[in-house]
Amino acid sequence: MTSSEYLSSVILTGSIFGFSVGSALAEIEVDIPLRYIEEVTDDGAESLLRRDYGFFEVTCAGGPDWRCRWISIEIHRLASSPEVIAAAVEALGVEFAPYIPWSEVHEDYLRNEIAPALDLKSPEGYRVFRNTSTGVSVHVVDDLNEGRGELPGNGDIWSMDIMSPEFMR
C-alpha cells in the first residue's frame, strides 16, 4: 500500500493500526508492535498518559483504565528520521516516503465514493483539512518559501490529528 492510500484511509476511518479515539490502552498495546517513550502527567484535574512511537503519538486519559483521547501522526518526522520510516514501513506494511504531498493523499481520498467533503481552515503557514465525521485534521504546509529539506515543504503534509468528532464542531 502506498503512503497516500494509507493516509487517505486514516482520514476516512479515523483509525490507525486498527484503533481510534476511545480505544482502551490494552487494545492499543496489542495492536502496536513498536517501541515507545511514555510520559504521565497530572495537573490535579486530569491525568494524561502520552506514548510517542516515533511516527505517531497516542494520548490517553482516565487512568488506571486509560482510554485514547487523541492521536497525532507526525508525518514531518519522516523527512529527518530514516529510522522512523523503516519502523513505520515494517509495522504497517506501507511504503512511506520522506515527503507526502497533500495532492496525492487528497486524490486517493476522493476516489472513495463515501468520502465526505473536508472542511478547510487556514491558520498562517498551514492549510488544515478536517473530516468532522471521523475527527481527523490534516495539516498541510502552506508557505511558498518553504522548500523540502529536513522538513516537509510547501504542499506537503506536516501532521495529522485524530480526536473525538464532538470536539471539532
Protein backbone atom coordinates (compact mmCIF):
# COMPACT_ATOMS: atom_id res chain seq x y z
CA MET A 1 0.00 0.00 0.00
CA THR A 2 1.27 3.50 -0.73
CA SER A 3 1.51 6.22 1.89
CA SER A 4 -1.18 8.26 0.14
CA GLU A 5 -3.59 5.29 0.09
CA TYR A 6 -2.95 4.57 3.76
CA LEU A 7 -3.30 8.18 4.93
CA SER A 8 -6.49 8.66 2.89
CA SER A 9 -7.93 5.62 4.71
CA VAL A 10 -6.95 7.21 8.06
CA ILE A 11 -8.89 10.36 7.06
CA LEU A 12 -11.88 8.26 6.07
CA THR A 13 -11.93 5.94 9.11
CA GLY A 14 -10.31 7.95 11.91
CA SER A 15 -8.18 4.95 12.88
CA ILE A 16 -4.53 3.90 12.74
CA PHE A 17 -3.25 0.38 13.44
CA GLY A 18 -6.89 -0.66 13.85
CA PHE A 19 -7.58 1.54 16.88
CA SER A 20 -9.05 5.00 17.27
CA VAL A 21 -10.09 7.59 19.82
CA GLY A 22 -11.97 5.84 22.62
CA SER A 23 -9.94 2.61 22.41
CA ALA A 24 -8.61 1.18 25.67
CA LEU A 25 -4.85 1.29 26.20
CA ALA A 26 -4.86 -2.51 26.49
CA GLU A 27 -6.23 -2.74 22.92
CA ILE A 28 -3.61 -0.32 21.64
CA GLU A 29 -0.78 -2.28 23.27
CA VAL A 30 -1.84 -5.43 21.41
CA ASP A 31 -2.13 -3.65 18.05
CA ILE A 32 1.15 -1.71 18.01
CA PRO A 33 4.39 -3.65 17.59
CA LEU A 34 6.61 -0.57 18.05
CA ARG A 35 8.76 0.68 20.92
CA TYR A 36 7.67 3.90 22.61
CA ILE A 37 8.60 6.58 25.10
CA GLU A 38 5.96 7.12 27.79
CA GLU A 39 5.15 10.18 29.85
CA VAL A 40 2.44 10.51 32.51
CA THR A 41 1.34 13.94 33.70
CA ASP A 42 -1.20 15.01 36.30
CA ASP A 43 -2.35 18.61 36.61
CA GLY A 44 -4.64 17.83 39.53
CA ALA A 45 -7.75 17.85 37.38
CA GLU A 46 -6.82 15.07 34.98
CA SER A 47 -4.08 12.52 34.44
CA LEU A 48 -2.75 12.03 30.92
CA LEU A 49 -0.57 9.28 29.52
CA ARG A 50 1.31 10.07 26.29
CA ARG A 51 3.13 7.47 24.25
CA ASP A 52 5.47 8.56 21.48
CA TYR A 53 6.02 5.79 18.91
CA GLY A 54 8.14 7.97 16.59
CA PHE A 55 5.74 8.06 13.64
CA PHE A 56 2.77 8.89 15.86
CA GLU A 57 1.81 9.76 19.42
CA VAL A 58 -1.14 8.49 21.45
CA THR A 59 -2.56 10.44 24.40
CA CYS A 60 -4.84 8.66 26.86
CA ALA A 61 -6.83 9.88 29.85
CA GLY A 62 -8.75 8.30 32.71
CA GLY A 63 -6.14 6.13 34.38
CA PRO A 64 -5.91 3.47 35.56
CA ASP A 65 -8.37 2.38 32.83
CA TRP A 66 -6.69 4.55 30.19
CA ARG A 67 -8.66 5.42 27.05
CA CYS A 68 -7.29 7.05 23.92
CA ARG A 69 -8.18 10.75 23.85
CA TRP A 70 -6.27 11.80 20.69
CA ILE A 71 -3.69 10.63 18.19
CA SER A 72 -1.07 12.74 16.42
CA ILE A 73 0.57 11.34 13.30
CA GLU A 74 3.95 13.06 12.98
CA ILE A 75 4.44 12.97 9.19
CA HIS A 76 7.17 15.66 9.38
CA ARG A 77 9.44 13.20 11.22
CA LEU A 78 9.69 11.03 8.09
CA ALA A 79 11.87 13.66 6.35
CA SER A 80 14.55 13.82 9.03
CA SER A 81 14.46 10.37 10.64
CA PRO A 82 15.06 7.38 8.32
CA GLU A 83 14.62 5.04 11.29
CA VAL A 84 11.04 6.31 11.68
CA ILE A 85 10.33 5.43 8.03
CA ALA A 86 11.83 1.95 8.49
CA ALA A 87 9.81 1.22 11.64
CA ALA A 88 6.56 2.51 10.10
CA VAL A 89 7.08 0.50 6.89
CA GLU A 90 7.78 -2.66 8.84
CA ALA A 91 4.91 -2.24 11.30
CA LEU A 92 2.25 -1.08 8.84
CA GLY A 93 3.43 -2.59 5.58
CA VAL A 94 3.09 0.85 3.99
CA GLU A 95 5.78 2.34 1.74
CA PHE A 96 6.27 5.76 3.33
CA ALA A 97 8.37 8.40 1.62
CA PRO A 98 10.19 11.24 3.39
CA TYR A 99 7.66 13.75 1.98
CA ILE A 100 3.96 13.13 1.37
CA PRO A 101 2.21 15.64 -0.90
CA TRP A 102 -1.33 16.52 0.15
CA SER A 103 -2.43 16.46 -3.50
CA GLU A 104 -1.72 12.70 -3.74
CA VAL A 105 -3.47 11.85 -0.46
CA HIS A 106 -6.46 14.04 -1.35
CA GLU A 107 -6.73 12.40 -4.77
CA ASP A 108 -6.81 8.92 -3.17
CA TYR A 109 -9.34 10.14 -0.58
CA LEU A 110 -11.68 11.45 -3.28
CA ARG A 111 -11.63 8.07 -5.06
CA ASN A 112 -13.73 6.69 -2.23
CA GLU A 113 -17.39 7.15 -3.07
CA ILE A 114 -18.43 7.65 0.56
CA ALA A 115 -15.75 10.25 1.36
CA PRO A 116 -17.41 13.34 2.86
CA ALA A 117 -16.28 16.81 1.86
CA LEU A 118 -13.48 18.19 4.01
CA ASP A 119 -13.68 21.47 5.93
CA LEU A 120 -10.82 23.91 5.37
CA LYS A 121 -9.21 26.24 7.88
CA SER A 122 -6.16 28.35 7.04
CA PRO A 123 -4.06 29.40 10.01
CA GLU A 124 -0.87 31.20 8.99
CA GLY A 125 1.60 28.89 7.28
CA TYR A 126 -0.80 25.94 7.03
CA ARG A 127 -3.99 24.72 5.45
CA VAL A 128 -5.95 22.38 7.73
CA PHE A 129 -8.37 19.96 6.11
CA ARG A 130 -10.85 18.34 8.51
CA ASN A 131 -13.15 15.36 8.27
CA THR A 132 -15.56 16.28 11.05
CA SER A 133 -17.29 12.88 10.91
CA THR A 134 -14.11 10.94 11.84
CA GLY A 135 -12.29 13.63 13.85
CA VAL A 136 -9.28 13.79 11.52
CA SER A 137 -7.39 17.04 10.77
CA VAL A 138 -4.63 17.16 8.15
CA HIS A 139 -2.07 19.98 8.49
CA VAL A 140 -0.53 20.94 5.14
CA VAL A 141 2.42 23.32 4.77
CA ASP A 142 1.19 26.49 3.02
CA ASP A 143 4.30 28.62 2.55
CA LEU A 144 5.75 29.18 -0.91
CA ASN A 145 9.15 29.93 0.66
CA GLU A 146 9.24 26.57 2.45
CA GLY A 147 11.19 24.05 0.36
CA ARG A 148 11.80 20.43 1.14
CA GLY A 149 14.83 19.64 3.26
CA GLU A 150 14.97 18.24 6.77
CA LEU A 151 11.27 19.11 6.97
CA PRO A 152 8.37 18.93 4.50
CA GLY A 153 7.91 21.78 2.03
CA ASN A 154 5.01 23.72 0.57
CA GLY A 155 2.07 21.43 -0.26
CA ASP A 156 3.37 18.52 1.86
CA ILE A 157 1.56 17.09 4.86
CA TRP A 158 3.11 18.21 8.16
CA SER A 159 0.96 16.14 10.53
CA MET A 160 -2.46 14.62 11.13
CA ASP A 161 -4.54 14.63 14.32
CA ILE A 162 -7.39 12.36 15.30
CA MET A 163 -9.72 13.47 18.09
CA SER A 164 -13.30 12.85 19.03
CA PRO A 165 -15.55 14.37 16.34
CA GLU A 166 -17.57 16.09 19.11
CA PHE A 167 -14.57 18.40 19.74
CA MET A 168 -14.44 19.51 16.07
CA ARG A 169 -17.78 21.25 15.93
